Amino acid sequence: MDLASLVGVIAGVGLVLASILMNSGLDLFINIPSAMIVLGGTLAATLIAFPINEVMKVMGLFLRVFMVKKSDQYQLIESMVNICNVARKGGVLAIESKLKDIDNDFLKKGLELTVDGKDEATVNALLKREVKQLQNAHKDGWEIFNQMGAFAPAFGMVGTLIGLIQMLSDLSDVSSVGPKMAIALITTFYGAVLANLIFIPMTVKLKRRSATESLEMQLILEGLGFIRKGVNPRFMQDVLENYLDTYHGKAKEKKGDDKGKKPAKGKK
């Protein structure tokens, strides 16, 4: 479970509710017509903008943000290095005995294709197609959330305009102007909260998740190529870890840093 996302949502909702309760009651911020305009309008606009089958997947993507499976990319490299050792000593067919211990489905599929004798071009084509499908699925998801983040405040403003029109149409009772104005502004509040606490953060989270999974798949594609070629496992590990360090912007510590240092005085 992604605790950061869960804590963020709970903290955000909690702080908003706490600030409301410290100054007034919740009843001032509960208005069914306003919620209908924001939620209904956002959903309607989303259905107009996207195919219904893509919109239906939104709930699954929403839950996926919280129910994420943790992965260690350096541990993934280590697993591939161990497999490379096995393949180098016993041949590609020796990998078959290790398949049951592999948790990563993408890596497992690539190794199964390799053990089955599929040529490198076929394996790469099949796996790259799967990477593309995953990227497209993620893109569809975050685009929907991104648009919902734009629609919600817009319909919040629509609700506010409706309230203002109704208020200005009858100014006979001046004392009712304040309460009517407050009700009119509630829709803007609903739209802003939904956009900035739910939809936009979900967009960012899905983009980052897509980038992470694509990176792991790229590491696996590179690793499978090394395994098929039977390269030195240490060389494979260095290449993949350097690739990962470069991606994350880390400066990998160099071994033998003291090489090239000037010798101490009195020593040759």
Protein backbone atom coordinates (compact mmCIF):
# COMPACT_ATOMS: atom_id res chain seq x y z
CA MET A 1 0.00 0.00 0.00
CA ASP A 2 1.20 3.51 -0.86
CA LEU A 3 1.09 5.17 2.56
CA ALA A 4 2.13 8.56 1.17
CA SER A 5 -1.01 8.80 -1.00
CA LEU A 6 -3.28 7.54 1.76
CA VAL A 7 -1.79 9.89 4.38
CA GLY A 8 -1.95 12.79 1.92
CA VAL A 9 -5.66 12.33 1.21
CA ILE A 10 -6.55 11.79 4.88
CA ALA A 11 -4.45 14.77 5.99
CA GLY A 12 -5.88 17.01 3.28
CA VAL A 13 -9.50 16.14 4.03
CA GLY A 14 -8.83 16.30 7.77
CA LEU A 15 -7.26 19.75 7.64
CA VAL A 16 -10.09 21.15 5.52
CA LEU A 17 -12.72 19.71 7.88
CA ALA A 18 -10.82 20.91 10.95
CA SER A 19 -10.55 24.46 9.61
CA ILE A 20 -14.29 24.46 8.89
CA LEU A 21 -15.23 23.13 12.32
CA MET A 22 -12.97 25.64 14.07
CA ASN A 23 -14.90 28.55 12.56
CA SER A 24 -18.40 27.23 11.85
CA GLY A 25 -20.45 24.08 11.45
CA LEU A 26 -20.35 21.56 8.61
CA ASP A 27 -23.97 22.29 7.74
CA LEU A 28 -22.90 25.56 6.07
CA PHE A 29 -20.76 23.59 3.62
CA ILE A 30 -23.27 20.86 2.77
CA ASN A 31 -25.42 21.64 -0.26
CA ILE A 32 -26.81 18.82 -2.38
CA PRO A 33 -27.62 20.90 -5.52
CA SER A 34 -24.07 22.29 -5.52
CA ALA A 35 -22.59 18.79 -5.25
CA MET A 36 -24.85 17.61 -8.09
CA ILE A 37 -23.63 20.41 -10.36
CA VAL A 38 -19.93 19.77 -9.66
CA LEU A 39 -19.93 15.96 -9.58
CA GLY A 40 -22.59 15.48 -12.25
CA GLY A 41 -21.14 18.12 -14.54
CA THR A 42 -17.60 16.75 -14.18
CA LEU A 43 -18.76 13.21 -14.93
CA ALA A 44 -20.89 14.33 -17.89
CA ALA A 45 -18.05 16.34 -19.43
CA THR A 46 -15.66 13.41 -18.90
CA LEU A 47 -18.06 11.04 -20.69
CA ILE A 48 -18.28 13.48 -23.58
CA ALA A 49 -14.50 13.80 -23.81
CA PHE A 50 -13.51 10.12 -23.44
CA PRO A 51 -14.85 6.70 -24.51
CA ILE A 52 -16.96 5.09 -21.80
CA ASN A 53 -14.70 2.02 -21.56
CA GLU A 54 -11.76 4.26 -20.62
CA VAL A 55 -13.83 6.17 -18.06
CA MET A 56 -14.94 2.89 -16.47
CA LYS A 57 -11.28 2.06 -15.78
CA VAL A 58 -10.83 5.20 -13.68
CA MET A 59 -12.01 3.53 -10.48
CA GLY A 60 -9.47 0.74 -10.93
CA LEU A 61 -6.73 3.30 -11.51
CA PHE A 62 -7.88 5.25 -8.46
CA LEU A 63 -7.57 2.17 -6.26
CA ARG A 64 -4.26 1.24 -7.88
CA VAL A 65 -2.72 4.47 -6.62
CA PHE A 66 -3.24 3.25 -3.06
CA MET A 67 -2.69 -0.49 -3.58
CA VAL A 68 0.74 -0.27 -5.20
CA LYS A 69 3.15 -3.18 -5.09
CA LYS A 70 6.52 -2.05 -3.77
CA SER A 71 9.51 -2.76 -5.96
CA ASP A 72 13.25 -2.32 -5.50
CA GLN A 73 14.95 -1.58 -8.81
CA TYR A 74 18.40 -2.46 -7.48
CA GLN A 75 17.01 -5.74 -6.16
CA LEU A 76 15.57 -6.36 -9.63
CA ILE A 77 19.05 -5.89 -11.12
CA GLU A 78 20.50 -8.27 -8.55
CA SER A 79 17.91 -10.91 -9.48
CA MET A 80 18.82 -10.60 -13.16
CA VAL A 81 22.52 -10.84 -12.31
CA ASN A 82 21.86 -14.10 -10.45
CA ILE A 83 19.94 -15.43 -13.44
CA CYS A 84 22.79 -14.38 -15.72
CA ASN A 85 25.17 -16.41 -13.53
CA VAL A 86 22.94 -19.47 -13.88
CA ALA A 87 22.64 -19.06 -17.66
CA ARG A 88 26.38 -18.56 -18.07
CA LYS A 89 27.21 -21.72 -16.16
CA GLY A 90 24.44 -24.05 -17.30
CA GLY A 91 23.12 -22.50 -20.49
CA VAL A 92 19.83 -20.71 -21.15
CA LEU A 93 17.77 -23.84 -20.43
CA ALA A 94 19.12 -23.87 -16.86
CA ILE A 95 17.04 -20.74 -16.20
CA GLU A 96 13.84 -22.79 -16.27
CA SER A 97 14.43 -24.11 -12.76
CA LYS A 98 14.58 -20.52 -11.44
CA LEU A 99 11.37 -19.26 -13.04
CA LYS A 100 9.18 -20.21 -10.07
CA ASP A 101 11.21 -17.92 -7.80
CA ILE A 102 10.67 -14.81 -9.97
CA ASP A 103 7.98 -12.38 -8.78
CA ASN A 104 8.18 -9.86 -11.63
CA ASP A 105 5.69 -10.98 -14.29
CA PHE A 106 7.36 -9.04 -17.10
CA LEU A 107 10.79 -10.54 -16.35
CA LYS A 108 9.25 -13.99 -15.99
CA LYS A 109 7.54 -13.70 -19.36
CA GLY A 110 10.76 -12.59 -21.05
CA LEU A 111 12.71 -15.49 -19.55
CA GLU A 112 10.01 -17.99 -20.52
CA LEU A 113 10.16 -16.78 -24.12
CA THR A 114 13.95 -17.05 -24.04
CA VAL A 115 13.87 -20.58 -22.60
CA ASP A 116 11.30 -21.58 -25.24
CA GLY A 117 13.88 -20.76 -27.89
CA LYS A 118 12.31 -17.61 -29.32
CA ASP A 119 14.83 -15.48 -31.19
CA GLU A 120 15.95 -12.12 -29.84
CA ALA A 121 13.95 -10.08 -32.36
CA THR A 122 10.71 -11.89 -31.51
CA VAL A 123 11.22 -11.57 -27.76
CA ASN A 124 12.03 -7.86 -28.04
CA ALA A 125 9.04 -7.22 -30.30
CA LEU A 126 6.60 -8.96 -27.95
CA LEU A 127 7.94 -7.32 -24.81
CA LYS A 128 8.21 -3.83 -26.34
CA ARG A 129 4.60 -4.13 -27.48
CA GLU A 130 3.62 -4.90 -23.88
CA VAL A 131 5.59 -1.86 -22.67
CA LYS A 132 3.75 0.32 -25.20
CA GLN A 133 0.38 -1.06 -24.11
CA LEU A 134 1.17 -0.30 -20.47
CA GLN A 135 2.28 3.24 -21.31
CA ASN A 136 -0.89 3.85 -23.32
CA ALA A 137 -3.07 2.52 -20.48
CA HIS A 138 -1.33 4.81 -17.99
CA LYS A 139 -1.62 7.76 -20.36
CA ASP A 140 -5.35 7.18 -20.79
CA GLY A 141 -5.72 7.13 -17.01
CA TRP A 142 -3.80 10.27 -16.16
CA GLU A 143 -5.34 12.19 -19.06
CA ILE A 144 -8.81 11.44 -17.67
CA PHE A 145 -7.83 12.56 -14.17
CA ASN A 146 -6.12 15.64 -15.60
CA GLN A 147 -9.24 16.67 -17.49
CA MET A 148 -11.43 16.00 -14.46
CA GLY A 149 -9.12 18.33 -12.56
CA ALA A 150 -9.95 21.02 -15.13
CA PHE A 151 -13.67 20.25 -15.34
CA ALA A 152 -14.38 20.30 -11.57
CA PRO A 153 -13.41 23.97 -10.92
CA ALA A 154 -15.17 24.99 -14.15
CA PHE A 155 -18.44 23.43 -13.02
CA GLY A 156 -17.86 24.93 -9.59
CA MET A 157 -17.87 28.31 -11.29
CA VAL A 158 -20.99 27.35 -13.28
CA GLY A 159 -22.78 26.55 -10.03
CA THR A 160 -21.67 29.85 -8.54
CA LEU A 161 -22.99 31.74 -11.58
CA ILE A 162 -26.32 29.94 -11.28
CA GLY A 163 -26.52 30.93 -7.62
CA LEU A 164 -25.62 34.55 -8.37
CA ILE A 165 -28.25 34.78 -11.11
CA GLN A 166 -30.89 33.41 -8.75
CA MET A 167 -29.76 35.79 -6.00
CA LEU A 168 -29.72 38.90 -8.20
CA SER A 169 -33.12 38.08 -9.66
CA ASP A 170 -34.71 38.82 -6.29
CA LEU A 171 -33.17 41.56 -4.15
CA SER A 172 -36.36 42.45 -2.31
CA ASP A 173 -34.99 40.97 0.92
CA VAL A 174 -31.54 42.47 1.49
CA SER A 175 -30.92 40.30 4.55
CA SER A 176 -30.99 37.15 2.39
CA VAL A 177 -28.22 38.34 0.06
CA GLY A 178 -25.40 37.13 2.34
CA PRO A 179 -26.71 33.57 2.85
CA LYS A 180 -27.56 33.21 -0.85
CA MET A 181 -24.07 34.40 -1.80
CA ALA A 182 -22.54 31.84 0.57
CA ILE A 183 -24.56 29.03 -1.02
CA ALA A 184 -23.53 30.23 -4.49
CA LEU A 185 -19.85 30.06 -3.54
CA ILE A 186 -20.08 26.51 -2.18
CA THR A 187 -19.94 25.03 -5.68
CA THR A 188 -16.64 26.83 -6.33
CA PHE A 189 -15.37 25.38 -3.04
CA TYR A 190 -16.42 21.85 -4.05
CA GLY A 191 -14.76 22.14 -7.44
CA ALA A 192 -11.50 23.52 -6.04
CA VAL A 193 -11.23 20.82 -3.36
CA LEU A 194 -11.94 17.96 -5.76
CA ALA A 195 -9.47 19.27 -8.34
CA ASN A 196 -6.59 20.07 -6.01
CA LEU A 197 -6.97 17.27 -3.48
CA ILE A 198 -8.04 14.37 -5.71
CA PHE A 199 -7.86 14.76 -9.49
CA ILE A 200 -4.63 16.73 -10.04
CA PRO A 201 -2.59 14.76 -7.44
CA MET A 202 -3.86 11.53 -9.02
CA THR A 203 -2.63 12.77 -12.40
CA VAL A 204 0.85 13.43 -11.03
CA LYS A 205 0.94 10.11 -9.18
CA LEU A 206 -0.06 8.10 -12.26
CA LYS A 207 2.53 9.89 -14.40
CA ARG A 208 5.26 9.03 -11.91
CA ARG A 209 4.02 5.45 -11.58
CA SER A 210 4.05 5.08 -15.37
CA ALA A 211 7.62 6.41 -15.56
CA THR A 212 8.76 4.02 -12.82
CA GLU A 213 7.19 0.94 -14.39
CA SER A 214 8.51 1.88 -17.84
CA LEU A 215 12.00 2.24 -16.36
CA GLU A 216 11.81 -1.20 -14.75
CA MET A 217 10.64 -2.74 -18.02
CA GLN A 218 13.51 -1.07 -19.87
CA LEU A 219 15.97 -2.47 -17.31
CA ILE A 220 14.50 -5.93 -17.86
CA LEU A 221 14.78 -5.63 -21.65
CA GLU A 222 18.44 -4.66 -21.31
CA GLY A 223 19.04 -7.44 -18.78
CA LEU A 224 17.44 -10.10 -20.99
CA GLY A 225 19.74 -9.07 -23.81
CA PHE A 226 22.79 -9.53 -21.59
CA ILE A 227 21.51 -12.90 -20.34
CA ARG A 228 21.03 -14.20 -23.88
CA LYS A 229 24.52 -13.08 -24.85
CA GLY A 230 26.09 -14.67 -21.77
CA VAL A 231 28.04 -11.58 -20.76
CA ASN A 232 30.00 -11.30 -17.52
CA PRO A 233 27.44 -10.82 -14.70
CA ARG A 234 29.59 -8.15 -13.04
CA PHE A 235 29.70 -6.17 -16.29
CA MET A 236 25.94 -6.52 -16.61
CA GLN A 237 25.41 -5.27 -13.07
CA ASP A 238 27.66 -2.25 -13.58
CA VAL A 239 25.93 -1.26 -16.82
CA LEU A 240 22.40 -1.57 -15.42
CA GLU A 241 23.22 0.18 -12.14
CA ASN A 242 24.95 3.01 -14.01
CA TYR A 243 21.85 3.33 -16.19
CA LEU A 244 19.66 3.46 -13.08
CA ASP A 245 21.94 5.94 -11.30
CA THR A 246 21.95 8.21 -14.34
CA TYR A 247 18.15 8.09 -14.52
CA HIS A 248 17.80 9.04 -10.86
CA GLY A 249 20.57 11.64 -11.09
CA LYS A 250 22.79 9.88 -8.59
CA ALA A 251 26.58 10.10 -8.68
CA LYS A 252 27.78 6.56 -8.24
CA GLU A 253 30.80 6.20 -6.01
CA LYS A 254 33.83 5.20 -7.97
CA LYS A 255 36.01 2.43 -6.74
CA GLY A 256 39.63 3.30 -6.29
CA ASP A 257 39.04 7.01 -5.83
CA ASP A 258 42.49 7.36 -4.30
CA LYS A 259 44.05 6.47 -7.62
CA GLY A 260 45.72 9.49 -9.05
CA LYS A 261 46.11 11.17 -5.68
CA LYS A 262 49.49 12.71 -5.03
CA PRO A 263 51.69 10.54 -2.79
CA ALA A 264 52.38 11.79 0.71
CA LYS A 265 55.58 13.70 1.31
CA GLY A 266 58.58 11.51 1.85
CA LYS A 267 57.06 8.65 -0.18
CA LYS A 268 57.83 7.82 -3.74
